[in-house]
Amino acid sequence: MPNPPIRYLANCEIALDVSLEELSEDEWREWMVLDRYRAYKPPVRERLWRIDGSENR
């Protein structure tokens, strides 16, 4: 399988008792972030919605 879904890799990691880095190919790491500390962080909620109840009119 040229590019398996992450859940397949995670299941293999558990079944084989190895790290995810051992299962992944080097080129996958060029475009995939497999590290929770460097992963994309969602935007701040307050910037997306008005949570104070006011509206712009």
PDB file of N, CA and C in Angstrom:
ATOM      1  N   MET A   1       0.855  -1.170   0.000  1.00  0.00           N
ATOM      2  CA  MET A   1       0.000   0.000   0.000  1.00  0.00           C
ATOM      3  C   MET A   1       0.902   1.234   0.000  1.00  0.00           C
ATOM      4  N   PRO A   2       0.819   2.092  -1.027  1.00  0.00           N
ATOM      5  CA  PRO A   2       1.741   3.219  -1.143  1.00  0.00           C
ATOM      6  C   PRO A   2       1.576   4.300  -0.074  1.00  0.00           C
ATOM      7  N   ASN A   3       0.367   4.553   0.383  1.00  0.00           N
ATOM      8  CA  ASN A   3       0.130   5.594   1.380  1.00  0.00           C
ATOM      9  C   ASN A   3      -1.021   5.161   2.286  1.00  0.00           C
ATOM     10  N   PRO A   4      -0.746   4.317   3.280  1.00  0.00           N
ATOM     11  CA  PRO A   4      -1.823   3.810   4.137  1.00  0.00           C
ATOM     12  C   PRO A   4      -2.389   4.900   5.043  1.00  0.00           C
ATOM     13  N   PRO A   5      -3.671   4.787   5.371  1.00  0.00           N
ATOM     14  CA  PRO A   5      -4.259   5.738   6.324  1.00  0.00           C
ATOM     15  C   PRO A   5      -3.559   5.640   7.682  1.00  0.00           C
ATOM     16  N   ILE A   6      -3.565   6.723   8.398  1.00  0.00           N
ATOM     17  CA  ILE A   6      -2.878   6.784   9.695  1.00  0.00           C
ATOM     18  C   ILE A   6      -3.438   5.762  10.676  1.00  0.00           C
ATOM     19  N   ARG A   7      -4.731   5.455  10.585  1.00  0.00           N
ATOM     20  CA  ARG A   7      -5.293   4.476  11.528  1.00  0.00           C
ATOM     21  C   ARG A   7      -4.711   3.085  11.290  1.00  0.00           C
ATOM     22  N   TYR A   8      -4.384   2.738  10.036  1.00  0.00           N
ATOM     23  CA  TYR A   8      -3.728   1.460   9.763  1.00  0.00           C
ATOM     24  C   TYR A   8      -2.358   1.426  10.426  1.00  0.00           C
ATOM     25  N   LEU A   9      -1.632   2.522  10.276  1.00  0.00           N
ATOM     26  CA  LEU A   9      -0.304   2.598  10.880  1.00  0.00           C
ATOM     27  C   LEU A   9      -0.383   2.544  12.405  1.00  0.00           C
ATOM     28  N   ALA A  10      -1.371   3.224  12.968  1.00  0.00           N
ATOM     29  CA  ALA A  10      -1.537   3.218  14.427  1.00  0.00           C
ATOM     30  C   ALA A  10      -1.866   1.811  14.928  1.00  0.00           C
ATOM     31  N   ASN A  11      -2.715   1.092  14.207  1.00  0.00           N
ATOM     32  CA  ASN A  11      -3.040  -0.281  14.597  1.00  0.00           C
ATOM     33  C   ASN A  11      -1.815  -1.188  14.486  1.00  0.00           C
ATOM     34  N   CYS A  12      -1.016  -1.018  13.440  1.00  0.00           N
ATOM     35  CA  CYS A  12       0.215  -1.794  13.291  1.00  0.00           C
ATOM     36  C   CYS A  12       1.203  -1.467  14.405  1.00  0.00           C
ATOM     37  N   GLU A  13       1.257  -0.189  14.771  1.00  0.00           N
ATOM     38  CA  GLU A  13       2.141   0.237  15.861  1.00  0.00           C
ATOM     39  C   GLU A  13       1.803  -0.517  17.139  1.00  0.00           C
ATOM     40  N   ILE A  14       0.523  -0.615  17.440  1.00  0.00           N
ATOM     41  CA  ILE A  14       0.074  -1.313  18.657  1.00  0.00           C
ATOM     42  C   ILE A  14       0.329  -2.807  18.545  1.00  0.00           C
ATOM     43  N   ALA A  15      -0.056  -3.401  17.407  1.00  0.00           N
ATOM     44  CA  ALA A  15       0.071  -4.853  17.234  1.00  0.00           C
ATOM     45  C   ALA A  15       1.524  -5.314  17.217  1.00  0.00           C
ATOM     46  N   LEU A  16       2.406  -4.518  16.615  1.00  0.00           N
ATOM     47  CA  LEU A  16       3.811  -4.913  16.487  1.00  0.00           C
ATOM     48  C   LEU A  16       4.699  -4.381  17.607  1.00  0.00           C
ATOM     49  N   ASP A  17       4.127  -3.528  18.462  1.00  0.00           N
ATOM     50  CA  ASP A  17       4.861  -2.916  19.572  1.00  0.00           C
ATOM     51  C   ASP A  17       6.105  -2.183  19.078  1.00  0.00           C
ATOM     52  N   VAL A  18       5.881  -1.312  18.077  1.00  0.00           N
ATOM     53  CA  VAL A  18       6.944  -0.472  17.522  1.00  0.00           C
ATOM     54  C   VAL A  18       6.451   0.967  17.506  1.00  0.00           C
ATOM     55  N   SER A  19       7.354   1.904  17.240  1.00  0.00           N
ATOM     56  CA  SER A  19       6.936   3.304  17.171  1.00  0.00           C
ATOM     57  C   SER A  19       6.429   3.633  15.769  1.00  0.00           C
ATOM     58  N   LEU A  20       5.642   4.665  15.680  1.00  0.00           N
ATOM     59  CA  LEU A  20       5.092   5.096  14.392  1.00  0.00           C
ATOM     60  C   LEU A  20       6.203   5.504  13.430  1.00  0.00           C
ATOM     61  N   GLU A  21       7.267   6.070  13.949  1.00  0.00           N
ATOM     62  CA  GLU A  21       8.397   6.473  13.111  1.00  0.00           C
ATOM     63  C   GLU A  21       9.049   5.277  12.423  1.00  0.00           C
ATOM     64  N   GLU A  22       9.038   4.126  13.078  1.00  0.00           N
ATOM     65  CA  GLU A  22       9.617   2.927  12.476  1.00  0.00           C
ATOM     66  C   GLU A  22       8.782   2.416  11.306  1.00  0.00           C
ATOM     67  N   LEU A  23       7.494   2.685  11.322  1.00  0.00           N
ATOM     68  CA  LEU A  23       6.600   2.207  10.262  1.00  0.00           C
ATOM     69  C   LEU A  23       6.489   3.172   9.088  1.00  0.00           C
ATOM     70  N   SER A  24       6.749   4.431   9.319  1.00  0.00           N
ATOM     71  CA  SER A  24       6.534   5.428   8.268  1.00  0.00           C
ATOM     72  C   SER A  24       7.762   5.563   7.374  1.00  0.00           C
ATOM     73  N   GLU A  25       7.500   5.888   6.131  1.00  0.00           N
ATOM     74  CA  GLU A  25       8.560   6.125   5.158  1.00  0.00           C
ATOM     75  C   GLU A  25       9.081   7.556   5.319  1.00  0.00           C
ATOM     76  N   ASP A  26      10.324   7.790   4.941  1.00  0.00           N
ATOM     77  CA  ASP A  26      10.907   9.119   5.073  1.00  0.00           C
ATOM     78  C   ASP A  26      10.137  10.174   4.296  1.00  0.00           C
ATOM     79  N   GLU A  27       9.677   9.858   3.090  1.00  0.00           N
ATOM     80  CA  GLU A  27       8.972  10.870   2.291  1.00  0.00           C
ATOM     81  C   GLU A  27       7.612  11.248   2.881  1.00  0.00           C
ATOM     82  N   TRP A  28       7.013  10.376   3.679  1.00  0.00           N
ATOM     83  CA  TRP A  28       5.749  10.728   4.332  1.00  0.00           C
ATOM     84  C   TRP A  28       5.961  11.855   5.334  1.00  0.00           C
ATOM     85  N   ARG A  29       7.102  11.871   5.966  1.00  0.00           N
ATOM     86  CA  ARG A  29       7.377  12.886   6.976  1.00  0.00           C
ATOM     87  C   ARG A  29       7.622  14.263   6.366  1.00  0.00           C
ATOM     88  N   GLU A  30       7.861  14.304   5.073  1.00  0.00           N
ATOM     89  CA  GLU A  30       8.081  15.590   4.417  1.00  0.00           C
ATOM     90  C   GLU A  30       6.803  16.414   4.342  1.00  0.00           C
ATOM     91  N   TRP A  31       5.659  15.775   4.295  1.00  0.00           N
ATOM     92  CA  TRP A  31       4.409  16.514   4.160  1.00  0.00           C
ATOM     93  C   TRP A  31       3.405  16.190   5.245  1.00  0.00           C
ATOM     94  N   MET A  32       3.682  15.228   6.109  1.00  0.00           N
ATOM     95  CA  MET A  32       2.776  14.877   7.194  1.00  0.00           C
ATOM     96  C   MET A  32       3.425  15.216   8.529  1.00  0.00           C
ATOM     97  N   VAL A  33       2.671  15.815   9.420  1.00  0.00           N
ATOM     98  CA  VAL A  33       3.156  16.067  10.772  1.00  0.00           C
ATOM     99  C   VAL A  33       2.696  14.907  11.640  1.00  0.00           C
ATOM    100  N   LEU A  34       3.649  14.139  12.131  1.00  0.00           N
ATOM    101  CA  LEU A  34       3.315  12.983  12.954  1.00  0.00           C
ATOM    102  C   LEU A  34       3.684  13.219  14.414  1.00  0.00           C
ATOM    103  N   ASP A  35       3.837  14.460  14.770  1.00  0.00           N
ATOM    104  CA  ASP A  35       4.258  14.828  16.111  1.00  0.00           C
ATOM    105  C   ASP A  35       3.206  15.748  16.718  1.00  0.00           C
ATOM    106  N   ARG A  36       2.612  15.361  17.805  1.00  0.00           N
ATOM    107  CA  ARG A  36       1.527  16.164  18.376  1.00  0.00           C
ATOM    108  C   ARG A  36       1.998  17.530  18.858  1.00  0.00           C
ATOM    109  N   TYR A  37       3.291  17.701  19.118  1.00  0.00           N
ATOM    110  CA  TYR A  37       3.797  18.982  19.586  1.00  0.00           C
ATOM    111  C   TYR A  37       3.987  19.978  18.446  1.00  0.00           C
ATOM    112  N   ARG A  38       4.128  19.500  17.219  1.00  0.00           N
ATOM    113  CA  ARG A  38       4.294  20.375  16.067  1.00  0.00           C
ATOM    114  C   ARG A  38       3.038  20.418  15.208  1.00  0.00           C
ATOM    115  N   ALA A  39       1.993  19.770  15.622  1.00  0.00           N
ATOM    116  CA  ALA A  39       0.772  19.697  14.825  1.00  0.00           C
ATOM    117  C   ALA A  39       0.090  21.060  14.734  1.00  0.00           C
ATOM    118  N   TYR A  40      -0.742  21.220  13.721  1.00  0.00           N
ATOM    119  CA  TYR A  40      -1.513  22.435  13.515  1.00  0.00           C
ATOM    120  C   TYR A  40      -2.401  22.690  14.721  1.00  0.00           C
ATOM    121  N   LYS A  41      -2.407  23.898  15.195  1.00  0.00           N
ATOM    122  CA  LYS A  41      -3.272  24.266  16.325  1.00  0.00           C
ATOM    123  C   LYS A  41      -4.476  25.026  15.773  1.00  0.00           C
ATOM    124  N   PRO A  42      -5.679  24.663  16.206  1.00  0.00           N
ATOM    125  CA  PRO A  42      -6.869  25.353  15.701  1.00  0.00           C
ATOM    126  C   PRO A  42      -6.891  26.814  16.131  1.00  0.00           C
ATOM    127  N   PRO A  43      -7.605  27.650  15.383  1.00  0.00           N
ATOM    128  CA  PRO A  43      -7.692  29.064  15.746  1.00  0.00           C
ATOM    129  C   PRO A  43      -8.414  29.263  17.079  1.00  0.00           C
ATOM    130  N   VAL A  44      -8.185  30.388  17.674  1.00  0.00           N
ATOM    131  CA  VAL A  44      -8.828  30.725  18.949  1.00  0.00           C
ATOM    132  C   VAL A  44     -10.332  30.890  18.721  1.00  0.00           C
ATOM    133  N   ARG A  45     -11.103  30.280  19.575  1.00  0.00           N
ATOM    134  CA  ARG A  45     -12.561  30.272  19.412  1.00  0.00           C
ATOM    135  C   ARG A  45     -13.158  31.673  19.357  1.00  0.00           C
ATOM    136  N   GLU A  46     -12.647  32.571  20.171  1.00  0.00           N
ATOM    137  CA  GLU A  46     -13.192  33.925  20.230  1.00  0.00           C
ATOM    138  C   GLU A  46     -13.016  34.666  18.898  1.00  0.00           C
ATOM    139  N   ARG A  47     -12.026  34.310  18.121  1.00  0.00           N
ATOM    140  CA  ARG A  47     -11.822  34.961  16.828  1.00  0.00           C
ATOM    141  C   ARG A  47     -12.800  34.462  15.769  1.00  0.00           C
ATOM    142  N   LEU A  48     -13.363  33.280  15.975  1.00  0.00           N
ATOM    143  CA  LEU A  48     -14.270  32.699  14.984  1.00  0.00           C
ATOM    144  C   LEU A  48     -15.725  33.117  15.213  1.00  0.00           C
ATOM    145  N   TRP A  49     -16.153  33.196  16.456  1.00  0.00           N
ATOM    146  CA  TRP A  49     -17.541  33.506  16.777  1.00  0.00           C
ATOM    147  C   TRP A  49     -17.612  34.567  17.857  1.00  0.00           C
ATOM    148  N   ARG A  50     -18.673  35.290  17.806  1.00  0.00           N
ATOM    149  CA  ARG A  50     -18.940  36.236  18.903  1.00  0.00           C
ATOM    150  C   ARG A  50     -19.624  35.437  20.010  1.00  0.00           C
ATOM    151  N   ILE A  51     -18.945  35.310  21.115  1.00  0.00           N
ATOM    152  CA  ILE A  51     -19.523  34.506  22.204  1.00  0.00           C
ATOM    153  C   ILE A  51     -20.120  35.373  23.302  1.00  0.00           C
ATOM    154  N   ASP A  52     -20.044  36.712  23.140  1.00  0.00           N
ATOM    155  CA  ASP A  52     -20.609  37.599  24.169  1.00  0.00           C
ATOM    156  C   ASP A  52     -22.056  37.973  23.879  1.00  0.00           C
ATOM    157  N   GLY A  53     -22.619  37.475  22.775  1.00  0.00           N
ATOM    158  CA  GLY A  53     -24.027  37.734  22.464  1.00  0.00           C
ATOM    159  C   GLY A  53     -24.243  38.974  21.626  1.00  0.00           C
ATOM    160  N   SER A  54     -23.229  39.813  21.423  1.00  0.00           N
ATOM    161  CA  SER A  54     -23.419  41.021  20.621  1.00  0.00           C
ATOM    162  C   SER A  54     -23.330  40.701  19.137  1.00  0.00           C
ATOM    163  N   GLU A  55     -23.926  41.575  18.335  1.00  0.00           N
ATOM    164  CA  GLU A  55     -23.907  41.389  16.882  1.00  0.00           C
ATOM    165  C   GLU A  55     -23.465  42.684  16.219  1.00  0.00           C
ATOM    166  N   ASN A  56     -22.824  42.563  15.093  1.00  0.00           N
ATOM    167  CA  ASN A  56     -22.516  43.737  14.266  1.00  0.00           C
ATOM    168  C   ASN A  56     -23.701  44.023  13.366  1.00  0.00           C
ATOM    169  N   ARG A  57     -24.207  45.219  13.403  1.00  0.00           N
ATOM    170  CA  ARG A  57     -25.354  45.565  12.553  1.00  0.00           C
ATOM    171  C   ARG A  57     -24.989  46.678  11.642  1.00  0.00           C
TER     172      ARG A  57
END
